[in-house]
Amino acid sequence: MSGPDVGIEPGQRIMILPAAVADGIAAGEVVDRPAAVVKELVENAVDSGASRIDVRVEAAGQGLIEVVDDGRGMEAVDLPLAFRRHATSKLHTLEDLRSIRTLGFRGEALASIAAVAEVDAVSRSRDGGEGFRVRIQGGELLTAERVGAPMGTRVAVEQLFFNTPARLKFLKQPATENAVISRLVGELALGNPAIAFSLAIDRRRVIETPGSGDLRAAFAAVYDHETAAAMLSIEEASIHGLISPPAMHRGTRDHVVILVNSRRIQHRNLVFAVEQAYRGLREPDRFPIAVLNVRVDPAEVDVNVHPTKREVRFRNEGAVFAALERACYRALRQSPLYELQSTPGGALLEVRETAVVSSTPHDSPTLPSPASGGGVVHRQGGSEIDRSRLPPLEYVGQLLHGYLVAEAPGAVVLIDQHAAHERVLFDRILQRLEAGEPASQLLLIPHDLDLTPSQLAAFQQQASWLQSLGFEGELFGPHTIRLRAAPSDMPEGRVARVLDLLLTDLAGDRTPDRRLRETAALIACHSAVRFGDTMSPEAARQLLSSLAITAEPISCPHGRPTTLILPDDQLRRLFKRP
């Protein structure tokens, strides 16, 4: 679908590009790799009202990309037009652009694909009549004819980038391109659980979702059943989805899928909102798994920002950020305790999760229901369980100079003394920092510390911030400071190390007021009782009491578990008692 070229007058330097060149440039914006072709074709299939979408890929997309759907299809008069640039059925006026409700709308995708590949498209409308077929190569219509076809649309793309060899040079290895396609189709399936998706790569079935409308079932098909069963549900007015419990995490952010009105988007701030909800519950450099659909009035979000439609702008981004963070925060505060259970194959123990409960000494502990395969029992005696506190713990003793042993109703509990004390101190220190109430203690003997030039500059520039933490000192030479006071919770022997770490961090252009939690976690970690220290019974009981009233008793600020539970029924099973 090219148009006539425009001639050049003598001496003329500026010209209208030929249609084939313009189409090639536009195609580069929309179709940069095989996965982009899959995305555009599948999104069109979703917009067509399909209940099933089948994707087939061969040779990493360079051999074949085929998308078949059972949607409403196209009439014979519409199919050739669909491959013309800026041809679309999804909007008609400028006002429609302000309230987009479909995944596609720009009218560029099919034209861009046809400009750099050979396309064979067959469609038959639900309204009846014969099917229609078109073949296009490099933007030129080769054939258009009536054919017999089932209702819906099939688009096959071959010889991708045949006329743009430079683009072929920038493609990754076939395994990488296949992985990108697989992740993309998985995300589209998670955004549309009511549609049955299948993906076959080189004739091997990779994804098969049921299309039942159940997000957890779609998640199980994309990931696995065990991971899906452990995910926490979010069902709120504007946020719907699944997030992983704190103990389930990945090494990259790739598994945080944010959707806006079922459209997969890339939005760093919203991903950060999800991560913020996990503060103090996960280890550093580990990231959650999440599939979250944010429902927003289409008039409140601009999706016409980039040709790939992966970036959006919100009219009130702050409100969306806050709603997403609150929804995840509430779900995570229902997250479970770590529990020791025997493995299905024998007496070995593994860490699983069960509900955080608050019970009286006469209650039985809340445990996973066997019928639900490890799900959480939500009620005891007909009343709702308060899942925001640990069960009452009675101190028994200390093991291996690192673990406290306690008894809970119907269970034995092991507590990591360092992680538990770290959590207690973290909550206390963070509360003081947020209130601007430093707790400082004078050192018995002032410490003279040698600093690097950058650390010394940070000490002078951030003196008020360090004082709010409890550190007080003064210059005592060209590269030395004399420290006179330190935070009251910190053992004197660890003061120099903590200040060195803080000044190194501040020298790295970190903004201190944005690092309250990280600073509190650092001070708590170096102030807490060490693993291997002996604790008196009185100190241990006080630690257990303090842990029970913290906001997040199940993990330390770095995400490690504080508590493991071994229920009575598991003990009986291990000892082969009835």
Protein backbone atom coordinates (compact mmCIF):
# COMPACT_ATOMS: atom_id res chain seq x y z
CA MET A 1 0.00 0.00 0.00
CA SER A 2 2.27 2.61 -1.25
CA GLY A 3 1.27 5.93 -2.80
CA PRO A 4 2.76 8.01 -5.63
CA ASP A 5 6.22 9.46 -5.16
CA VAL A 6 6.70 13.21 -5.18
CA GLY A 7 9.11 14.73 -7.72
CA ILE A 8 12.03 17.02 -6.87
CA GLU A 9 12.37 20.53 -8.28
CA PRO A 10 15.80 21.79 -9.42
CA GLY A 11 17.78 22.99 -6.39
CA GLN A 12 15.32 21.44 -3.97
CA ARG A 13 16.93 19.77 -0.92
CA ILE A 14 13.90 18.91 1.19
CA MET A 15 11.60 16.24 -0.19
CA ILE A 16 8.64 14.12 0.82
CA LEU A 17 9.93 10.61 1.39
CA PRO A 18 8.59 7.88 -0.86
CA ALA A 19 5.85 5.84 0.80
CA ALA A 20 8.01 2.70 0.96
CA VAL A 21 10.73 4.60 2.84
CA ALA A 22 8.23 6.22 5.20
CA ASP A 23 6.63 2.85 5.86
CA GLY A 24 10.03 1.34 6.63
CA ILE A 25 10.82 4.11 9.12
CA ALA A 26 7.43 3.76 10.81
CA ALA A 27 7.83 -0.01 10.92
CA GLY A 28 11.09 0.43 12.82
CA GLU A 29 9.21 2.18 15.61
CA VAL A 30 6.55 -0.49 16.00
CA VAL A 31 8.24 -3.71 14.86
CA ASP A 32 11.74 -3.98 16.25
CA ARG A 33 11.83 -7.74 16.88
CA PRO A 34 9.61 -10.83 16.37
CA ALA A 35 8.00 -10.40 19.79
CA ALA A 36 6.63 -7.02 18.66
CA VAL A 37 4.81 -8.75 15.78
CA VAL A 38 3.32 -11.28 18.20
CA LYS A 39 2.23 -8.49 20.54
CA GLU A 40 0.44 -6.46 17.88
CA LEU A 41 -1.33 -9.47 16.33
CA VAL A 42 -2.44 -10.87 19.69
CA GLU A 43 -3.69 -7.48 20.88
CA ASN A 44 -5.79 -7.21 17.71
CA ALA A 45 -7.17 -10.66 18.45
CA VAL A 46 -8.07 -9.62 22.00
CA ASP A 47 -9.81 -6.49 20.69
CA SER A 48 -11.83 -8.66 18.26
CA GLY A 49 -13.64 -10.30 21.17
CA ALA A 50 -11.94 -13.67 20.75
CA SER A 51 -12.47 -16.42 23.31
CA ARG A 52 -9.43 -18.38 22.07
CA ILE A 53 -6.13 -17.23 20.61
CA ASP A 54 -3.52 -19.65 19.24
CA VAL A 55 0.02 -18.47 18.55
CA ARG A 56 2.54 -20.47 16.56
CA VAL A 57 6.19 -19.47 16.15
CA GLU A 58 8.94 -21.14 14.15
CA ALA A 59 12.63 -20.28 13.83
CA ALA A 60 12.38 -17.63 16.56
CA GLY A 61 9.80 -15.73 14.50
CA GLN A 62 11.91 -15.35 11.38
CA GLY A 63 10.44 -18.50 9.85
CA LEU A 64 6.79 -18.05 10.86
CA ILE A 65 4.57 -16.14 13.25
CA GLU A 66 0.94 -17.18 13.07
CA VAL A 67 -1.93 -15.92 15.23
CA VAL A 68 -5.36 -17.49 14.93
CA ASP A 69 -8.44 -16.25 16.80
CA ASP A 70 -12.18 -16.92 16.88
CA GLY A 71 -13.12 -13.25 17.16
CA ARG A 72 -15.63 -11.28 15.16
CA GLY A 73 -13.51 -11.30 12.00
CA MET A 74 -13.53 -8.80 9.13
CA GLU A 75 -15.62 -8.28 6.03
CA ALA A 76 -14.02 -8.65 2.60
CA VAL A 77 -14.04 -4.89 2.10
CA ASP A 78 -12.22 -4.28 5.40
CA LEU A 79 -9.40 -6.82 5.27
CA PRO A 80 -7.24 -5.08 2.60
CA LEU A 81 -7.85 -1.71 4.27
CA ALA A 82 -6.61 -3.06 7.62
CA PHE A 83 -3.09 -3.11 6.18
CA ARG A 84 -3.15 0.55 5.16
CA ARG A 85 -1.42 2.96 7.51
CA HIS A 86 -3.71 4.76 9.96
CA ALA A 87 -6.61 2.47 9.10
CA THR A 88 -8.53 1.33 12.19
CA SER A 89 -12.02 0.46 13.38
CA LYS A 90 -11.30 1.41 16.99
CA LEU A 91 -11.65 5.18 16.89
CA HIS A 92 -13.13 7.71 14.54
CA THR A 93 -12.81 11.15 16.14
CA LEU A 94 -10.26 13.06 18.17
CA GLU A 95 -12.58 12.75 21.15
CA ASP A 96 -12.30 8.94 20.95
CA LEU A 97 -8.55 9.30 21.48
CA ARG A 98 -9.17 10.77 24.93
CA SER A 99 -10.89 7.62 26.18
CA ILE A 100 -9.22 4.54 24.68
CA ARG A 101 -10.81 1.24 25.72
CA THR A 102 -9.03 -1.12 23.30
CA LEU A 103 -5.45 -2.39 23.27
CA GLY A 104 -4.86 -1.19 19.71
CA PHE A 105 -6.05 2.06 18.16
CA ARG A 106 -3.27 3.74 16.17
CA GLY A 107 -3.84 1.88 12.89
CA GLU A 108 -0.11 1.40 12.39
CA ALA A 109 0.69 -2.16 13.47
CA LEU A 110 -0.55 -4.22 10.51
CA ALA A 111 0.86 -1.75 7.99
CA SER A 112 4.24 -1.79 9.79
CA ILE A 113 4.34 -5.58 9.81
CA ALA A 114 3.36 -5.83 6.16
CA ALA A 115 6.09 -3.33 5.23
CA VAL A 116 8.90 -5.62 6.44
CA ALA A 117 7.51 -9.12 5.87
CA GLU A 118 5.32 -11.36 3.81
CA VAL A 119 1.82 -11.51 5.28
CA ASP A 120 -0.97 -13.97 4.55
CA ALA A 121 -4.24 -12.98 6.24
CA VAL A 122 -7.59 -14.79 6.12
CA SER A 123 -10.72 -13.55 7.88
CA ARG A 124 -14.40 -14.33 8.00
CA SER A 125 -16.97 -12.17 9.77
CA ARG A 126 -19.34 -13.53 12.38
CA ASP A 127 -22.12 -11.90 10.39
CA GLY A 128 -21.80 -14.67 7.81
CA GLY A 129 -20.68 -14.85 4.20
CA GLU A 130 -17.45 -16.15 2.75
CA GLY A 131 -13.99 -15.64 4.06
CA PHE A 132 -11.50 -13.31 2.39
CA ARG A 133 -7.75 -13.63 1.94
CA VAL A 134 -4.99 -11.13 1.19
CA ARG A 135 -1.28 -11.63 0.58
CA ILE A 136 1.07 -8.68 1.05
CA GLN A 137 4.84 -8.47 0.66
CA GLY A 138 6.94 -5.45 1.55
CA GLY A 139 3.80 -3.31 1.71
CA GLU A 140 2.58 -4.33 -1.78
CA LEU A 141 -0.74 -6.14 -2.16
CA LEU A 142 -0.12 -9.31 -4.15
CA THR A 143 -3.47 -11.11 -4.06
CA ALA A 144 -6.97 -10.56 -2.70
CA GLU A 145 -9.55 -13.30 -3.09
CA ARG A 146 -12.55 -15.00 -1.51
CA VAL A 147 -11.86 -18.29 0.25
CA GLY A 148 -13.57 -20.72 2.55
CA ALA A 149 -12.60 -20.09 6.18
CA PRO A 150 -13.87 -20.52 9.74
CA MET A 151 -15.15 -17.50 11.62
CA GLY A 152 -12.36 -15.37 13.01
CA THR A 153 -8.99 -14.28 11.68
CA ARG A 154 -5.68 -15.96 10.87
CA VAL A 155 -2.60 -13.87 10.20
CA ALA A 156 0.65 -15.60 9.15
CA VAL A 157 3.86 -13.57 8.95
CA GLU A 158 6.87 -15.01 7.11
CA GLN A 159 10.27 -13.70 5.95
CA LEU A 160 10.29 -11.07 8.68
CA PHE A 161 12.76 -8.24 7.94
CA PHE A 162 13.55 -9.70 4.53
CA ASN A 163 13.94 -6.18 3.10
CA THR A 164 15.70 -4.66 6.12
CA PRO A 165 18.79 -6.85 6.59
CA ALA A 166 20.29 -4.37 9.06
CA ARG A 167 17.47 -5.19 11.48
CA LEU A 168 18.26 -8.89 11.25
CA LYS A 169 21.80 -8.22 12.48
CA PHE A 170 20.47 -6.80 15.74
CA LEU A 171 18.27 -9.75 16.66
CA LYS A 172 19.39 -11.87 19.60
CA GLN A 173 20.01 -15.59 19.61
CA PRO A 174 16.93 -17.71 18.80
CA ALA A 175 16.64 -18.90 22.40
CA THR A 176 16.54 -15.29 23.60
CA GLU A 177 13.94 -14.22 21.04
CA ASN A 178 11.80 -17.26 21.92
CA ALA A 179 12.06 -16.42 25.62
CA VAL A 180 10.88 -12.86 24.97
CA ILE A 181 7.93 -14.15 22.94
CA SER A 182 7.03 -16.67 25.63
CA ARG A 183 7.11 -14.03 28.37
CA LEU A 184 5.05 -11.65 26.23
CA VAL A 185 2.31 -14.18 25.51
CA GLY A 186 2.30 -15.18 29.17
CA GLU A 187 1.74 -11.58 30.21
CA LEU A 188 -1.06 -11.14 27.67
CA ALA A 189 -2.67 -14.32 29.01
CA LEU A 190 -2.43 -13.01 32.58
CA GLY A 191 -4.02 -9.74 31.51
CA ASN A 192 -6.89 -11.59 29.83
CA PRO A 193 -7.68 -14.73 31.89
CA ALA A 194 -11.10 -15.10 30.25
CA ILE A 195 -9.40 -15.87 26.91
CA ALA A 196 -7.83 -19.28 26.29
CA PHE A 197 -4.27 -18.77 25.02
CA SER A 198 -1.92 -21.30 23.51
CA LEU A 199 1.65 -20.80 22.36
CA ALA A 200 3.64 -23.31 20.33
CA ILE A 201 7.31 -22.65 19.59
CA ASP A 202 8.87 -24.93 16.96
CA ARG A 203 5.88 -27.27 17.38
CA ARG A 204 6.40 -27.54 21.13
CA ARG A 205 3.49 -26.38 23.33
CA VAL A 206 4.83 -23.77 25.75
CA ILE A 207 1.70 -22.14 27.18
CA GLU A 208 -1.90 -23.35 27.42
CA THR A 209 -4.33 -21.37 29.58
CA PRO A 210 -7.90 -22.51 30.28
CA GLY A 211 -9.67 -19.21 29.53
CA SER A 212 -11.96 -19.71 32.52
CA GLY A 213 -11.67 -16.14 33.76
CA ASP A 214 -9.82 -17.30 36.90
CA LEU A 215 -6.56 -15.37 37.19
CA ARG A 216 -5.01 -17.96 39.50
CA ALA A 217 -5.71 -20.72 36.93
CA ALA A 218 -4.09 -18.63 34.19
CA PHE A 219 -1.15 -17.92 36.50
CA ALA A 220 -0.72 -21.64 37.16
CA ALA A 221 -0.58 -22.29 33.40
CA VAL A 222 2.07 -19.61 32.88
CA TYR A 223 4.13 -20.41 35.99
CA ASP A 224 3.21 -23.59 37.88
CA HIS A 225 0.51 -24.85 40.22
CA GLU A 226 2.64 -24.69 43.38
CA THR A 227 3.58 -21.05 42.83
CA ALA A 228 0.00 -20.14 41.92
CA ALA A 229 -1.35 -21.76 45.11
CA ALA A 230 1.02 -19.69 47.27
CA MET A 231 0.15 -16.32 45.72
CA LEU A 232 -1.83 -13.80 47.77
CA SER A 233 -5.02 -12.38 46.26
CA ILE A 234 -5.83 -8.69 45.98
CA GLU A 235 -9.46 -7.83 45.34
CA GLU A 236 -10.10 -4.12 45.75
CA ALA A 237 -12.19 -1.56 43.94
CA SER A 238 -9.39 -0.40 41.65
CA ILE A 239 -6.72 -3.11 42.09
CA HIS A 240 -7.10 -6.77 41.23
CA GLY A 241 -4.42 -9.43 41.06
CA LEU A 242 -1.94 -11.71 42.78
CA ILE A 243 1.30 -11.02 44.67
CA SER A 244 3.82 -13.42 46.15
CA PRO A 245 4.32 -13.88 49.89
CA PRO A 246 7.60 -12.46 51.22
CA ALA A 247 9.43 -15.79 51.11
CA MET A 248 8.77 -16.19 47.37
CA HIS A 249 10.95 -13.94 45.25
CA ARG A 250 13.06 -13.70 42.11
CA GLY A 251 16.37 -12.14 41.17
CA THR A 252 14.95 -9.53 38.74
CA ARG A 253 11.94 -7.25 38.40
CA ASP A 254 10.80 -9.09 35.27
CA HIS A 255 8.14 -10.95 37.24
CA VAL A 256 6.31 -7.80 38.37
CA VAL A 257 3.57 -7.44 35.75
CA ILE A 258 1.61 -4.18 35.91
CA LEU A 259 -1.54 -3.85 33.81
CA VAL A 260 -3.77 -0.83 33.37
CA ASN A 261 -7.25 -1.80 32.26
CA SER A 262 -5.75 -5.16 31.18
CA ARG A 263 -3.03 -3.43 29.10
CA ARG A 264 0.52 -4.50 29.99
CA ILE A 265 2.59 -1.38 30.66
CA GLN A 266 6.13 -0.50 31.65
CA HIS A 267 6.02 1.94 34.57
CA ARG A 268 8.97 2.18 36.96
CA ASN A 269 7.06 4.15 39.59
CA LEU A 270 4.26 1.62 39.85
CA VAL A 271 6.75 -1.24 40.12
CA PHE A 272 8.42 0.73 42.89
CA ALA A 273 5.04 1.07 44.62
CA VAL A 274 4.80 -2.73 44.74
CA GLU A 275 8.35 -3.02 46.07
CA GLN A 276 7.63 -0.41 48.73
CA ALA A 277 4.91 -2.63 50.16
CA TYR A 278 7.55 -5.32 50.77
CA ARG A 279 9.83 -3.02 52.79
CA GLY A 280 11.33 -5.01 55.63
CA LEU A 281 9.87 -8.27 54.32
CA ARG A 282 12.33 -9.28 51.62
CA GLU A 283 16.06 -9.62 51.22
CA PRO A 284 18.01 -6.95 49.36
CA ASP A 285 18.26 -7.43 45.59
CA ARG A 286 15.34 -9.86 45.58
CA PHE A 287 12.04 -8.96 43.94
CA PRO A 288 8.45 -10.17 44.25
CA ILE A 289 6.24 -11.92 41.74
CA ALA A 290 3.12 -9.94 40.97
CA VAL A 291 0.32 -9.64 38.44
CA LEU A 292 -1.70 -6.51 39.19
CA ASN A 293 -4.43 -4.97 37.08
CA VAL A 294 -5.12 -1.32 37.88
CA ARG A 295 -8.59 -0.24 36.88
CA VAL A 296 -8.65 3.42 35.86
CA ASP A 297 -11.21 5.52 34.03
CA PRO A 298 -9.87 5.55 30.45
CA ALA A 299 -10.24 9.32 30.43
CA GLU A 300 -7.75 9.51 33.35
CA VAL A 301 -4.90 7.77 31.53
CA ASP A 302 -3.13 8.66 28.27
CA VAL A 303 -2.03 5.55 26.38
CA ASN A 304 -1.10 7.48 23.22
CA VAL A 305 2.45 8.19 24.43
CA HIS A 306 4.59 5.78 22.38
CA PRO A 307 4.01 3.75 19.20
CA THR A 308 4.40 0.49 21.13
CA LYS A 309 1.71 1.61 23.62
CA ARG A 310 3.77 0.24 26.54
CA GLU A 311 4.13 3.61 28.25
CA VAL A 312 1.24 5.57 29.72
CA ARG A 313 0.68 8.80 31.62
CA PHE A 314 -1.81 9.21 34.45
CA ARG A 315 -3.68 12.39 35.21
CA ASN A 316 -3.13 11.67 38.92
CA GLU A 317 -0.18 9.32 39.17
CA GLY A 318 0.19 9.92 42.90
CA ALA A 319 -3.27 8.52 43.60
CA VAL A 320 -2.60 5.41 41.50
CA PHE A 321 0.77 4.89 43.23
CA ALA A 322 -0.80 5.20 46.68
CA ALA A 323 -3.72 2.87 45.85
CA LEU A 324 -1.36 0.21 44.48
CA GLU A 325 1.02 0.41 47.44
CA ARG A 326 -1.85 0.27 49.98
CA ALA A 327 -3.47 -2.72 48.28
CA CYS A 328 -0.21 -4.69 48.30
CA TYR A 329 0.56 -3.61 51.86
CA ARG A 330 -2.80 -4.86 53.13
CA ALA A 331 -2.42 -8.20 51.35
CA LEU A 332 1.10 -8.72 52.67
CA ARG A 333 0.02 -8.03 56.22
CA GLN A 334 -2.08 -11.16 55.80
CA SER A 335 1.04 -13.03 54.75
CA PRO A 336 1.96 -16.20 56.57
CA LEU A 337 4.35 -17.41 59.19
CA TYR A 338 7.14 -19.75 58.22
CA GLU A 339 6.33 -23.30 59.26
CA LEU A 340 8.38 -26.49 59.30
CA GLN A 341 6.55 -29.41 57.73
CA SER A 342 7.62 -32.87 56.71
CA THR A 343 8.12 -33.42 53.01
CA PRO A 344 5.73 -35.71 51.11
CA GLY A 345 8.50 -38.27 50.66
CA GLY A 346 9.46 -38.82 54.28
CA ALA A 347 10.82 -37.34 57.46
CA LEU A 348 12.85 -34.49 55.97
CA LEU A 349 11.64 -31.03 56.92
CA GLU A 350 11.04 -28.09 54.61
CA VAL A 351 9.98 -24.50 55.19
CA ARG A 352 6.39 -23.74 54.22
CA GLU A 353 4.04 -20.96 55.18
CA THR A 354 0.90 -20.70 57.27
CA ALA A 355 -1.23 -17.88 58.61
CA VAL A 356 -0.03 -15.39 61.19
CA VAL A 357 -2.57 -15.84 63.96
CA SER A 358 -3.45 -14.51 67.36
CA SER A 359 -4.99 -17.11 69.63
CA THR A 360 -5.61 -17.87 73.28
CA PRO A 361 -3.91 -20.75 75.12
CA HIS A 362 -7.02 -22.85 74.56
CA ASP A 363 -7.10 -22.37 70.79
CA SER A 364 -5.53 -24.83 68.43
CA PRO A 365 -3.00 -23.34 66.00
CA THR A 366 -4.16 -22.27 62.57
CA LEU A 367 -2.64 -24.68 60.05
CA PRO A 368 -2.91 -25.32 56.33
CA SER A 369 -5.97 -27.28 55.39
CA PRO A 370 -5.00 -30.70 53.97
CA ALA A 371 -7.92 -30.53 51.58
CA SER A 372 -6.65 -27.30 50.11
CA GLY A 373 -3.08 -28.50 49.62
CA GLY A 374 -1.53 -26.10 52.06
CA GLY A 375 -4.05 -23.27 51.91
CA VAL A 376 -4.74 -21.16 54.95
CA VAL A 377 -7.61 -21.82 57.34
CA HIS A 378 -9.20 -18.46 58.05
CA ARG A 379 -11.58 -19.25 60.93
CA GLN A 380 -11.47 -20.84 64.33
CA GLY A 381 -14.58 -21.51 66.37
CA GLY A 382 -16.66 -19.58 63.85
CA SER A 383 -14.83 -16.28 64.32
CA GLU A 384 -12.35 -14.45 62.12
CA ILE A 385 -8.68 -14.86 63.01
CA ASP A 386 -6.58 -11.78 63.70
CA ARG A 387 -3.65 -12.52 61.39
CA SER A 388 -1.60 -9.48 62.40
CA ARG A 389 0.14 -10.95 65.49
CA LEU A 390 2.17 -13.95 66.52
CA PRO A 391 0.52 -16.57 68.71
CA PRO A 392 1.45 -16.29 72.42
CA LEU A 393 4.92 -17.73 73.05
CA GLU A 394 6.22 -19.26 76.27
CA TYR A 395 10.03 -19.28 76.47
CA VAL A 396 11.64 -22.71 76.98
CA GLY A 397 15.36 -22.21 76.39
CA GLN A 398 18.25 -21.42 74.02
CA LEU A 399 19.81 -23.79 71.49
CA LEU A 400 23.22 -23.58 69.82
CA HIS A 401 23.76 -20.06 71.17
CA GLY A 402 21.59 -18.67 68.40
CA TYR A 403 18.04 -19.99 68.57
CA LEU A 404 15.37 -19.45 71.17
CA VAL A 405 12.91 -22.27 71.75
CA ALA A 406 9.35 -21.41 72.73
CA GLU A 407 6.02 -23.16 73.03
CA ALA A 408 2.90 -21.88 71.30
CA PRO A 409 -0.59 -23.41 71.53
CA GLY A 410 -0.17 -26.78 69.82
CA ALA A 411 3.26 -26.07 68.34
CA VAL A 412 6.99 -25.73 69.00
CA VAL A 413 8.49 -22.42 67.83
CA LEU A 414 12.13 -21.68 66.93
CA ILE A 415 13.24 -18.06 66.91
CA ASP A 416 16.43 -16.67 65.34
CA GLN A 417 17.56 -14.42 68.17
CA HIS A 418 19.51 -12.00 65.95
CA ALA A 419 16.73 -11.63 63.36
CA ALA A 420 14.09 -11.20 66.07
CA HIS A 421 16.11 -8.58 67.97
CA GLU A 422 16.88 -6.83 64.68
CA ARG A 423 13.14 -6.55 63.96
CA VAL A 424 12.44 -5.16 67.45
CA LEU A 425 15.21 -2.57 67.21
CA PHE A 426 14.29 -1.63 63.64
CA ASP A 427 10.72 -0.74 64.59
CA ARG A 428 11.93 1.24 67.60
CA ILE A 429 14.64 3.13 65.69
CA LEU A 430 12.40 3.86 62.70
CA GLN A 431 9.71 5.28 64.95
CA ARG A 432 12.24 7.61 66.58
CA LEU A 433 13.68 8.71 63.23
CA GLU A 434 10.26 9.45 61.77
CA ALA A 435 9.35 11.44 64.89
CA GLY A 436 12.68 13.30 64.87
CA GLU A 437 13.54 12.14 68.38
CA PRO A 438 17.21 11.04 68.50
CA ALA A 439 18.32 8.71 71.28
CA SER A 440 22.00 9.28 71.92
CA GLN A 441 24.43 8.09 74.59
CA LEU A 442 27.81 9.56 75.46
CA LEU A 443 30.71 7.22 74.81
CA LEU A 444 32.80 6.32 77.85
CA ILE A 445 35.93 7.04 75.83
CA PRO A 446 35.59 9.21 72.68
CA HIS A 447 36.50 7.40 69.44
CA ASP A 448 39.00 8.96 67.02
CA LEU A 449 38.16 7.82 63.49
CA ASP A 450 40.23 8.33 60.33
CA LEU A 451 38.05 9.08 57.29
CA THR A 452 38.56 9.29 53.57
CA PRO A 453 38.15 12.74 51.98
CA SER A 454 34.69 11.83 50.65
CA GLN A 455 33.60 10.46 54.02
CA LEU A 456 34.87 13.59 55.77
CA ALA A 457 32.92 15.78 53.36
CA ALA A 458 29.79 13.71 54.00
CA PHE A 459 30.31 14.03 57.77
CA GLN A 460 30.45 17.82 57.53
CA GLN A 461 27.59 18.18 55.03
CA GLN A 462 25.24 15.78 56.82
CA ALA A 463 26.08 16.69 60.42
CA SER A 464 22.46 17.41 61.34
CA TRP A 465 21.27 14.14 59.81
CA LEU A 466 23.93 12.15 61.70
CA GLN A 467 22.97 13.94 64.90
CA SER A 468 19.33 12.91 64.37
CA LEU A 469 20.59 9.31 64.28
CA GLY A 470 22.44 9.75 67.59
CA PHE A 471 26.00 10.37 66.32
CA GLU A 472 27.76 13.45 67.70
CA GLY A 473 31.35 14.36 66.92
CA GLU A 474 33.78 17.03 65.77
CA LEU A 475 36.81 17.48 63.55
CA PHE A 476 40.02 16.39 65.23
CA GLY A 477 42.59 16.78 62.49
CA PRO A 478 42.87 16.97 58.71
CA HIS A 479 41.30 13.54 58.17
CA THR A 480 40.09 12.59 61.65
CA ILE A 481 36.94 13.10 63.68
CA ARG A 482 36.41 12.58 67.39
CA LEU A 483 33.12 10.80 68.04
CA ARG A 484 31.62 11.63 71.43
CA ALA A 485 28.16 10.03 71.27
CA ALA A 486 26.40 7.22 69.43
CA PRO A 487 22.86 5.76 69.17
CA SER A 488 21.72 4.47 72.56
CA ASP A 489 20.83 0.96 71.31
CA MET A 490 24.25 0.34 69.75
CA PRO A 491 27.03 -1.54 71.57
CA GLU A 492 30.08 0.69 71.82
CA GLY A 493 32.34 -1.78 70.03
CA ARG A 494 30.28 -1.56 66.83
CA VAL A 495 29.98 2.23 66.59
CA ALA A 496 33.01 2.84 64.35
CA ARG A 497 31.95 0.21 61.80
CA VAL A 498 28.38 1.54 61.51
CA LEU A 499 29.50 5.14 61.10
CA ASP A 500 32.00 4.08 58.43
CA LEU A 501 29.21 2.36 56.47
CA LEU A 502 26.86 5.34 56.86
CA LEU A 503 29.44 7.86 55.68
CA THR A 504 30.39 5.69 52.72
CA ASP A 505 26.72 5.53 51.75
CA LEU A 506 26.26 9.28 52.16
CA ALA A 507 29.41 9.93 50.10
CA GLY A 508 27.73 8.09 47.24
CA ASP A 509 25.27 10.98 46.74
CA ARG A 510 22.50 9.18 48.57
CA THR A 511 19.79 11.51 49.90
CA PRO A 512 19.59 10.73 53.63
CA ASP A 513 15.96 11.65 54.21
CA ARG A 514 14.92 9.10 51.57
CA ARG A 515 16.83 6.35 53.36
CA LEU A 516 15.15 6.27 56.74
CA ARG A 517 14.30 2.58 56.52
CA GLU A 518 17.71 1.53 55.15
CA THR A 519 19.47 3.53 57.87
CA ALA A 520 17.24 2.11 60.58
CA ALA A 521 17.88 -1.41 59.26
CA LEU A 522 21.66 -0.85 59.25
CA ILE A 523 21.71 0.45 62.83
CA ALA A 524 19.38 -2.32 64.01
CA CYS A 525 21.48 -5.03 62.37
CA HIS A 526 24.69 -3.87 64.05
CA SER A 527 23.01 -3.19 67.38
CA ALA A 528 21.14 -6.49 67.74
CA VAL A 529 22.31 -9.42 69.80
CA ARG A 530 24.64 -11.55 67.70
CA PHE A 531 24.05 -15.08 66.57
CA GLY A 532 26.17 -17.06 69.02
CA ASP A 533 25.68 -14.78 72.01
CA THR A 534 24.31 -16.29 75.20
CA MET A 535 21.01 -14.77 76.36
CA SER A 536 19.64 -14.87 79.89
CA PRO A 537 16.10 -16.22 80.34
CA GLU A 538 14.91 -12.74 81.33
CA ALA A 539 16.39 -11.13 78.22
CA ALA A 540 14.96 -13.88 76.01
CA ARG A 541 11.45 -13.51 77.45
CA GLN A 542 11.64 -9.75 76.99
CA LEU A 543 12.71 -10.24 73.36
CA LEU A 544 9.78 -12.55 72.66
CA SER A 545 7.35 -10.09 74.23
CA SER A 546 8.78 -7.22 72.20
CA LEU A 547 8.73 -9.22 68.98
CA ALA A 548 5.04 -10.05 69.42
CA ILE A 549 4.03 -6.37 69.33
CA THR A 550 6.09 -5.35 66.29
CA ALA A 551 4.36 -4.52 63.03
CA GLU A 552 6.08 -7.29 61.05
CA PRO A 553 7.08 -10.06 63.46
CA ILE A 554 7.62 -12.76 60.84
CA SER A 555 10.80 -11.35 59.27
CA CYS A 556 13.76 -9.11 59.97
CA PRO A 557 14.14 -5.81 58.04
CA HIS A 558 16.21 -7.64 55.40
CA GLY A 559 13.49 -10.21 54.72
CA ARG A 560 14.90 -13.22 56.60
CA PRO A 561 12.44 -15.20 58.72
CA THR A 562 12.50 -14.60 62.47
CA THR A 563 10.31 -17.55 63.41
CA LEU A 564 9.75 -21.15 62.36
CA ILE A 565 6.82 -23.21 63.64
CA LEU A 566 6.77 -26.99 64.04
CA PRO A 567 3.12 -27.95 64.67
CA ASP A 568 2.16 -30.77 66.98
CA ASP A 569 0.65 -32.84 64.16
CA GLN A 570 3.95 -32.68 62.30
CA LEU A 571 5.83 -33.82 65.40
CA ARG A 572 3.44 -36.72 65.83
CA ARG A 573 3.91 -37.67 62.20
CA LEU A 574 7.70 -37.58 62.54
CA PHE A 575 7.58 -39.76 65.68
CA LYS A 576 4.97 -42.00 64.01
CA ARG A 577 2.46 -41.38 66.75
CA PRO A 578 -1.29 -41.51 66.16
